[in-house]
Amino acid sequence: MESFRAYPNYQAAFDDYASLLASNPRYRAALGVGGDAQAFAKALASGGYASDPGYAGKLAGLVAQLRRTPR
């Protein structure tokens, strides 16, 4: 169980997220999966990143939706 964190800007939040994934062995399987959003999401969930049992599916679904959205 972790506390929520507050950041002064998006860059600081992304930097902290990347640092967490790179430094915590629980998320090692999520690193290096390339563009496979489903594998990334499953690895995060397996490492205990989120308490929602549907987290991996929701994250992978969101990525799929964003990839279909024209820019």
PDB file of N, CA and C in Angstrom:
ATOM      1  N   MET A   1       0.852  -1.176   0.000  1.00  0.00           N
ATOM      2  CA  MET A   1       0.000   0.000   0.000  1.00  0.00           C
ATOM      3  C   MET A   1       0.896   1.238   0.000  1.00  0.00           C
ATOM      4  N   GLU A   2       0.735   2.048  -1.018  1.00  0.00           N
ATOM      5  CA  GLU A   2       1.536   3.271  -1.130  1.00  0.00           C
ATOM      6  C   GLU A   2       0.632   4.494  -0.996  1.00  0.00           C
ATOM      7  N   SER A   3       1.209   5.592  -0.554  1.00  0.00           N
ATOM      8  CA  SER A   3       0.461   6.841  -0.493  1.00  0.00           C
ATOM      9  C   SER A   3       0.403   7.467  -1.883  1.00  0.00           C
ATOM     10  N   PHE A   4      -0.575   8.325  -2.064  1.00  0.00           N
ATOM     11  CA  PHE A   4      -0.645   9.067  -3.310  1.00  0.00           C
ATOM     12  C   PHE A   4       0.455  10.111  -3.315  1.00  0.00           C
ATOM     13  N   ARG A   5       0.921  10.422  -4.500  1.00  0.00           N
ATOM     14  CA  ARG A   5       1.986  11.410  -4.639  1.00  0.00           C
ATOM     15  C   ARG A   5       1.463  12.602  -5.425  1.00  0.00           C
ATOM     16  N   ALA A   6       2.046  13.753  -5.170  1.00  0.00           N
ATOM     17  CA  ALA A   6       1.694  14.970  -5.905  1.00  0.00           C
ATOM     18  C   ALA A   6       2.950  15.468  -6.612  1.00  0.00           C
ATOM     19  N   TYR A   7       2.774  16.011  -7.811  1.00  0.00           N
ATOM     20  CA  TYR A   7       3.900  16.461  -8.626  1.00  0.00           C
ATOM     21  C   TYR A   7       3.649  17.882  -9.110  1.00  0.00           C
ATOM     22  N   PRO A   8       4.719  18.637  -9.307  1.00  0.00           N
ATOM     23  CA  PRO A   8       4.554  20.019  -9.775  1.00  0.00           C
ATOM     24  C   PRO A   8       4.169  20.101 -11.250  1.00  0.00           C
ATOM     25  N   ASN A   9       4.442  19.018 -12.016  1.00  0.00           N
ATOM     26  CA  ASN A   9       4.122  19.028 -13.447  1.00  0.00           C
ATOM     27  C   ASN A   9       4.128  17.594 -13.981  1.00  0.00           C
ATOM     28  N   TYR A  10       3.690  17.442 -15.235  1.00  0.00           N
ATOM     29  CA  TYR A  10       3.626  16.111 -15.843  1.00  0.00           C
ATOM     30  C   TYR A  10       5.001  15.463 -15.963  1.00  0.00           C
ATOM     31  N   GLN A  11       6.004  16.245 -16.285  1.00  0.00           N
ATOM     32  CA  GLN A  11       7.352  15.695 -16.457  1.00  0.00           C
ATOM     33  C   GLN A  11       7.847  15.030 -15.178  1.00  0.00           C
ATOM     34  N   ALA A  12       7.622  15.675 -14.051  1.00  0.00           N
ATOM     35  CA  ALA A  12       8.050  15.107 -12.777  1.00  0.00           C
ATOM     36  C   ALA A  12       7.309  13.801 -12.486  1.00  0.00           C
ATOM     37  N   ALA A  13       6.029  13.755 -12.828  1.00  0.00           N
ATOM     38  CA  ALA A  13       5.241  12.533 -12.623  1.00  0.00           C
ATOM     39  C   ALA A  13       5.757  11.399 -13.502  1.00  0.00           C
ATOM     40  N   PHE A  14       6.001  11.682 -14.770  1.00  0.00           N
ATOM     41  CA  PHE A  14       6.512  10.654 -15.683  1.00  0.00           C
ATOM     42  C   PHE A  14       7.903  10.184 -15.273  1.00  0.00           C
ATOM     43  N   ASP A  15       8.744  11.107 -14.853  1.00  0.00           N
ATOM     44  CA  ASP A  15      10.092  10.737 -14.408  1.00  0.00           C
ATOM     45  C   ASP A  15      10.032   9.808 -13.198  1.00  0.00           C
ATOM     46  N   ASP A  16       9.147  10.108 -12.248  1.00  0.00           N
ATOM     47  CA  ASP A  16       9.021   9.276 -11.059  1.00  0.00           C
ATOM     48  C   ASP A  16       8.465   7.894 -11.419  1.00  0.00           C
ATOM     49  N   TYR A  17       7.511   7.848 -12.330  1.00  0.00           N
ATOM     50  CA  TYR A  17       6.930   6.578 -12.781  1.00  0.00           C
ATOM     51  C   TYR A  17       7.999   5.708 -13.444  1.00  0.00           C
ATOM     52  N   ALA A  18       8.776   6.296 -14.332  1.00  0.00           N
ATOM     53  CA  ALA A  18       9.846   5.558 -15.009  1.00  0.00           C
ATOM     54  C   ALA A  18      10.883   5.066 -14.003  1.00  0.00           C
ATOM     55  N   SER A  19      11.211   5.889 -13.037  1.00  0.00           N
ATOM     56  CA  SER A  19      12.175   5.510 -12.007  1.00  0.00           C
ATOM     57  C   SER A  19      11.637   4.346 -11.172  1.00  0.00           C
ATOM     58  N   LEU A  20      10.367   4.393 -10.823  1.00  0.00           N
ATOM     59  CA  LEU A  20       9.751   3.312 -10.058  1.00  0.00           C
ATOM     60  C   LEU A  20       9.838   1.994 -10.825  1.00  0.00           C
ATOM     61  N   LEU A  21       9.459   2.009 -12.096  1.00  0.00           N
ATOM     62  CA  LEU A  21       9.480   0.779 -12.890  1.00  0.00           C
ATOM     63  C   LEU A  21      10.895   0.249 -13.069  1.00  0.00           C
ATOM     64  N   ALA A  22      11.842   1.138 -13.272  1.00  0.00           N
ATOM     65  CA  ALA A  22      13.224   0.720 -13.510  1.00  0.00           C
ATOM     66  C   ALA A  22      13.920   0.225 -12.245  1.00  0.00           C
ATOM     67  N   SER A  23      13.531   0.740 -11.099  1.00  0.00           N
ATOM     68  CA  SER A  23      14.257   0.421  -9.875  1.00  0.00           C
ATOM     69  C   SER A  23      13.619  -0.688  -9.038  1.00  0.00           C
ATOM     70  N   ASN A  24      12.380  -1.028  -9.306  1.00  0.00           N
ATOM     71  CA  ASN A  24      11.700  -2.029  -8.490  1.00  0.00           C
ATOM     72  C   ASN A  24      11.669  -3.369  -9.213  1.00  0.00           C
ATOM     73  N   PRO A  25      12.271  -4.400  -8.661  1.00  0.00           N
ATOM     74  CA  PRO A  25      12.317  -5.702  -9.338  1.00  0.00           C
ATOM     75  C   PRO A  25      10.939  -6.316  -9.586  1.00  0.00           C
ATOM     76  N   ARG A  26       9.927  -5.882  -8.857  1.00  0.00           N
ATOM     77  CA  ARG A  26       8.572  -6.415  -9.075  1.00  0.00           C
ATOM     78  C   ARG A  26       8.060  -6.101 -10.473  1.00  0.00           C
ATOM     79  N   TYR A  27       8.569  -5.046 -11.088  1.00  0.00           N
ATOM     80  CA  TYR A  27       8.075  -4.617 -12.400  1.00  0.00           C
ATOM     81  C   TYR A  27       9.053  -4.929 -13.525  1.00  0.00           C
ATOM     82  N   ARG A  28      10.080  -5.726 -13.241  1.00  0.00           N
ATOM     83  CA  ARG A  28      11.105  -6.041 -14.236  1.00  0.00           C
ATOM     84  C   ARG A  28      10.509  -6.650 -15.507  1.00  0.00           C
ATOM     85  N   ALA A  29       9.484  -7.487 -15.362  1.00  0.00           N
ATOM     86  CA  ALA A  29       8.868  -8.133 -16.528  1.00  0.00           C
ATOM     87  C   ALA A  29       8.173  -7.134 -17.438  1.00  0.00           C
ATOM     88  N   ALA A  30       7.830  -5.955 -16.919  1.00  0.00           N
ATOM     89  CA  ALA A  30       7.157  -4.946 -17.731  1.00  0.00           C
ATOM     90  C   ALA A  30       8.142  -4.197 -18.632  1.00  0.00           C
ATOM     91  N   LEU A  31       9.416  -4.251 -18.292  1.00  0.00           N
ATOM     92  CA  LEU A  31      10.419  -3.535 -19.073  1.00  0.00           C
ATOM     93  C   LEU A  31      10.824  -4.372 -20.278  1.00  0.00           C
ATOM     94  N   GLY A  32      10.994  -3.740 -21.386  1.00  0.00           N
ATOM     95  CA  GLY A  32      11.497  -4.428 -22.563  1.00  0.00           C
ATOM     96  C   GLY A  32      10.461  -5.212 -23.351  1.00  0.00           C
ATOM     97  N   VAL A  33       9.174  -4.960 -23.130  1.00  0.00           N
ATOM     98  CA  VAL A  33       8.163  -5.675 -23.910  1.00  0.00           C
ATOM     99  C   VAL A  33       7.797  -4.918 -25.188  1.00  0.00           C
ATOM    100  N   GLY A  34       8.515  -3.850 -25.463  1.00  0.00           N
ATOM    101  CA  GLY A  34       8.292  -3.102 -26.698  1.00  0.00           C
ATOM    102  C   GLY A  34       6.930  -2.453 -26.744  1.00  0.00           C
ATOM    103  N   GLY A  35       6.300  -2.546 -27.896  1.00  0.00           N
ATOM    104  CA  GLY A  35       5.003  -1.908 -28.096  1.00  0.00           C
ATOM    105  C   GLY A  35       3.827  -2.793 -27.732  1.00  0.00           C
ATOM    106  N   ASP A  36       4.043  -3.865 -26.987  1.00  0.00           N
ATOM    107  CA  ASP A  36       2.970  -4.781 -26.617  1.00  0.00           C
ATOM    108  C   ASP A  36       2.303  -4.286 -25.334  1.00  0.00           C
ATOM    109  N   ALA A  37       1.266  -3.471 -25.502  1.00  0.00           N
ATOM    110  CA  ALA A  37       0.595  -2.857 -24.357  1.00  0.00           C
ATOM    111  C   ALA A  37      -0.029  -3.895 -23.441  1.00  0.00           C
ATOM    112  N   GLN A  38      -0.547  -4.961 -24.017  1.00  0.00           N
ATOM    113  CA  GLN A  38      -1.172  -5.983 -23.188  1.00  0.00           C
ATOM    114  C   GLN A  38      -0.134  -6.687 -22.312  1.00  0.00           C
ATOM    115  N   ALA A  39       1.023  -7.022 -22.868  1.00  0.00           N
ATOM    116  CA  ALA A  39       2.081  -7.662 -22.085  1.00  0.00           C
ATOM    117  C   ALA A  39       2.575  -6.713 -20.987  1.00  0.00           C
ATOM    118  N   PHE A  40       2.703  -5.429 -21.305  1.00  0.00           N
ATOM    119  CA  PHE A  40       3.133  -4.436 -20.329  1.00  0.00           C
ATOM    120  C   PHE A  40       2.131  -4.346 -19.185  1.00  0.00           C
ATOM    121  N   ALA A  41       0.849  -4.236 -19.528  1.00  0.00           N
ATOM    122  CA  ALA A  41      -0.194  -4.111 -18.514  1.00  0.00           C
ATOM    123  C   ALA A  41      -0.263  -5.355 -17.631  1.00  0.00           C
ATOM    124  N   LYS A  42      -0.167  -6.529 -18.235  1.00  0.00           N
ATOM    125  CA  LYS A  42      -0.202  -7.774 -17.455  1.00  0.00           C
ATOM    126  C   LYS A  42       0.999  -7.862 -16.518  1.00  0.00           C
ATOM    127  N   ALA A  43       2.157  -7.456 -16.993  1.00  0.00           N
ATOM    128  CA  ALA A  43       3.356  -7.502 -16.151  1.00  0.00           C
ATOM    129  C   ALA A  43       3.246  -6.531 -14.981  1.00  0.00           C
ATOM    130  N   LEU A  44       2.695  -5.343 -15.225  1.00  0.00           N
ATOM    131  CA  LEU A  44       2.491  -4.399 -14.121  1.00  0.00           C
ATOM    132  C   LEU A  44       1.539  -4.983 -13.092  1.00  0.00           C
ATOM    133  N   ALA A  45       0.425  -5.543 -13.575  1.00  0.00           N
ATOM    134  CA  ALA A  45      -0.567  -6.119 -12.671  1.00  0.00           C
ATOM    135  C   ALA A  45       0.031  -7.289 -11.893  1.00  0.00           C
ATOM    136  N   SER A  46       0.794  -8.137 -12.565  1.00  0.00           N
ATOM    137  CA  SER A  46       1.426  -9.281 -11.892  1.00  0.00           C
ATOM    138  C   SER A  46       2.407  -8.826 -10.824  1.00  0.00           C
ATOM    139  N   GLY A  47       3.014  -7.680 -11.030  1.00  0.00           N
ATOM    140  CA  GLY A  47       3.954  -7.129 -10.050  1.00  0.00           C
ATOM    141  C   GLY A  47       3.270  -6.449  -8.890  1.00  0.00           C
ATOM    142  N   GLY A  48       1.941  -6.347  -8.951  1.00  0.00           N
ATOM    143  CA  GLY A  48       1.205  -5.728  -7.854  1.00  0.00           C
ATOM    144  C   GLY A  48       1.028  -4.231  -7.977  1.00  0.00           C
ATOM    145  N   TYR A  49       1.158  -3.687  -9.200  1.00  0.00           N
ATOM    146  CA  TYR A  49       1.082  -2.236  -9.375  1.00  0.00           C
ATOM    147  C   TYR A  49      -0.275  -1.668  -8.969  1.00  0.00           C
ATOM    148  N   ALA A  50      -1.364  -2.369  -9.286  1.00  0.00           N
ATOM    149  CA  ALA A  50      -2.704  -1.849  -8.997  1.00  0.00           C
ATOM    150  C   ALA A  50      -3.507  -2.873  -8.209  1.00  0.00           C
ATOM    151  N   SER A  51      -4.425  -2.391  -7.394  1.00  0.00           N
ATOM    152  CA  SER A  51      -5.265  -3.295  -6.617  1.00  0.00           C
ATOM    153  C   SER A  51      -6.500  -3.752  -7.387  1.00  0.00           C
ATOM    154  N   ASP A  52      -6.822  -3.099  -8.482  1.00  0.00           N
ATOM    155  CA  ASP A  52      -7.983  -3.459  -9.296  1.00  0.00           C
ATOM    156  C   ASP A  52      -7.665  -4.729 -10.091  1.00  0.00           C
ATOM    157  N   PRO A  53      -8.418  -5.806  -9.889  1.00  0.00           N
ATOM    158  CA  PRO A  53      -8.134  -7.037 -10.632  1.00  0.00           C
ATOM    159  C   PRO A  53      -8.330  -6.893 -12.137  1.00  0.00           C
ATOM    160  N   GLY A  54      -9.056  -5.873 -12.569  1.00  0.00           N
ATOM    161  CA  GLY A  54      -9.265  -5.636 -13.995  1.00  0.00           C
ATOM    162  C   GLY A  54      -8.303  -4.627 -14.592  1.00  0.00           C
ATOM    163  N   TYR A  55      -7.277  -4.233 -13.822  1.00  0.00           N
ATOM    164  CA  TYR A  55      -6.352  -3.182 -14.248  1.00  0.00           C
ATOM    165  C   TYR A  55      -5.702  -3.468 -15.597  1.00  0.00           C
ATOM    166  N   ALA A  56      -5.159  -4.658 -15.772  1.00  0.00           N
ATOM    167  CA  ALA A  56      -4.429  -4.976 -17.008  1.00  0.00           C
ATOM    168  C   ALA A  56      -5.345  -4.848 -18.222  1.00  0.00           C
ATOM    169  N   GLY A  57      -6.542  -5.382 -18.136  1.00  0.00           N
ATOM    170  CA  GLY A  57      -7.482  -5.289 -19.249  1.00  0.00           C
ATOM    171  C   GLY A  57      -7.899  -3.861 -19.541  1.00  0.00           C
ATOM    172  N   LYS A  58      -8.126  -3.084 -18.501  1.00  0.00           N
ATOM    173  CA  LYS A  58      -8.524  -1.682 -18.682  1.00  0.00           C
ATOM    174  C   LYS A  58      -7.406  -0.873 -19.335  1.00  0.00           C
ATOM    175  N   LEU A  59      -6.176  -1.073 -18.859  1.00  0.00           N
ATOM    176  CA  LEU A  59      -5.046  -0.338 -19.415  1.00  0.00           C
ATOM    177  C   LEU A  59      -4.817  -0.721 -20.874  1.00  0.00           C
ATOM    178  N   ALA A  60      -4.829  -2.012 -21.172  1.00  0.00           N
ATOM    179  CA  ALA A  60      -4.634  -2.465 -22.552  1.00  0.00           C
ATOM    180  C   ALA A  60      -5.759  -1.962 -23.448  1.00  0.00           C
ATOM    181  N   GLY A  61      -6.978  -1.939 -22.937  1.00  0.00           N
ATOM    182  CA  GLY A  61      -8.112  -1.427 -23.701  1.00  0.00           C
ATOM    183  C   GLY A  61      -7.982   0.058 -23.999  1.00  0.00           C
ATOM    184  N   LEU A  62      -7.506   0.818 -23.029  1.00  0.00           N
ATOM    185  CA  LEU A  62      -7.303   2.250 -23.225  1.00  0.00           C
ATOM    186  C   LEU A  62      -6.239   2.504 -24.285  1.00  0.00           C
ATOM    187  N   VAL A  63      -5.157   1.754 -24.231  1.00  0.00           N
ATOM    188  CA  VAL A  63      -4.097   1.908 -25.235  1.00  0.00           C
ATOM    189  C   VAL A  63      -4.635   1.587 -26.623  1.00  0.00           C
ATOM    190  N   ALA A  64      -5.413   0.515 -26.744  1.00  0.00           N
ATOM    191  CA  ALA A  64      -5.992   0.147 -28.036  1.00  0.00           C
ATOM    192  C   ALA A  64      -6.903   1.256 -28.543  1.00  0.00           C
ATOM    193  N   GLN A  65      -7.691   1.828 -27.656  1.00  0.00           N
ATOM    194  CA  GLN A  65      -8.596   2.921 -28.032  1.00  0.00           C
ATOM    195  C   GLN A  65      -7.799   4.140 -28.500  1.00  0.00           C
ATOM    196  N   LEU A  66      -6.752   4.496 -27.794  1.00  0.00           N
ATOM    197  CA  LEU A  66      -5.941   5.653 -28.170  1.00  0.00           C
ATOM    198  C   LEU A  66      -5.232   5.428 -29.511  1.00  0.00           C
ATOM    199  N   ARG A  67      -4.828   4.191 -29.767  1.00  0.00           N
ATOM    200  CA  ARG A  67      -4.168   3.894 -31.050  1.00  0.00           C
ATOM    201  C   ARG A  67      -5.125   4.021 -32.218  1.00  0.00           C
ATOM    202  N   ARG A  68      -6.405   3.806 -31.984  1.00  0.00           N
ATOM    203  CA  ARG A  68      -7.407   3.928 -33.057  1.00  0.00           C
ATOM    204  C   ARG A  68      -7.848   5.371 -33.280  1.00  0.00           C
ATOM    205  N   THR A  69      -7.596   6.246 -32.333  1.00  0.00           N
ATOM    206  CA  THR A  69      -8.037   7.640 -32.407  1.00  0.00           C
ATOM    207  C   THR A  69      -7.153   8.430 -33.345  1.00  0.00           C
ATOM    208  N   PRO A  70      -7.768   9.041 -34.383  1.00  0.00           N
ATOM    209  CA  PRO A  70      -6.944   9.871 -35.303  1.00  0.00           C
ATOM    210  C   PRO A  70      -6.381  11.087 -34.562  1.00  0.00           C
ATOM    211  N   ARG A  71      -5.202  11.464 -34.977  1.00  0.00           N
ATOM    212  CA  ARG A  71      -4.559  12.627 -34.324  1.00  0.00           C
ATOM    213  C   ARG A  71      -4.537  13.803 -35.228  1.00  0.00           C
TER     214      ARG A  71
END
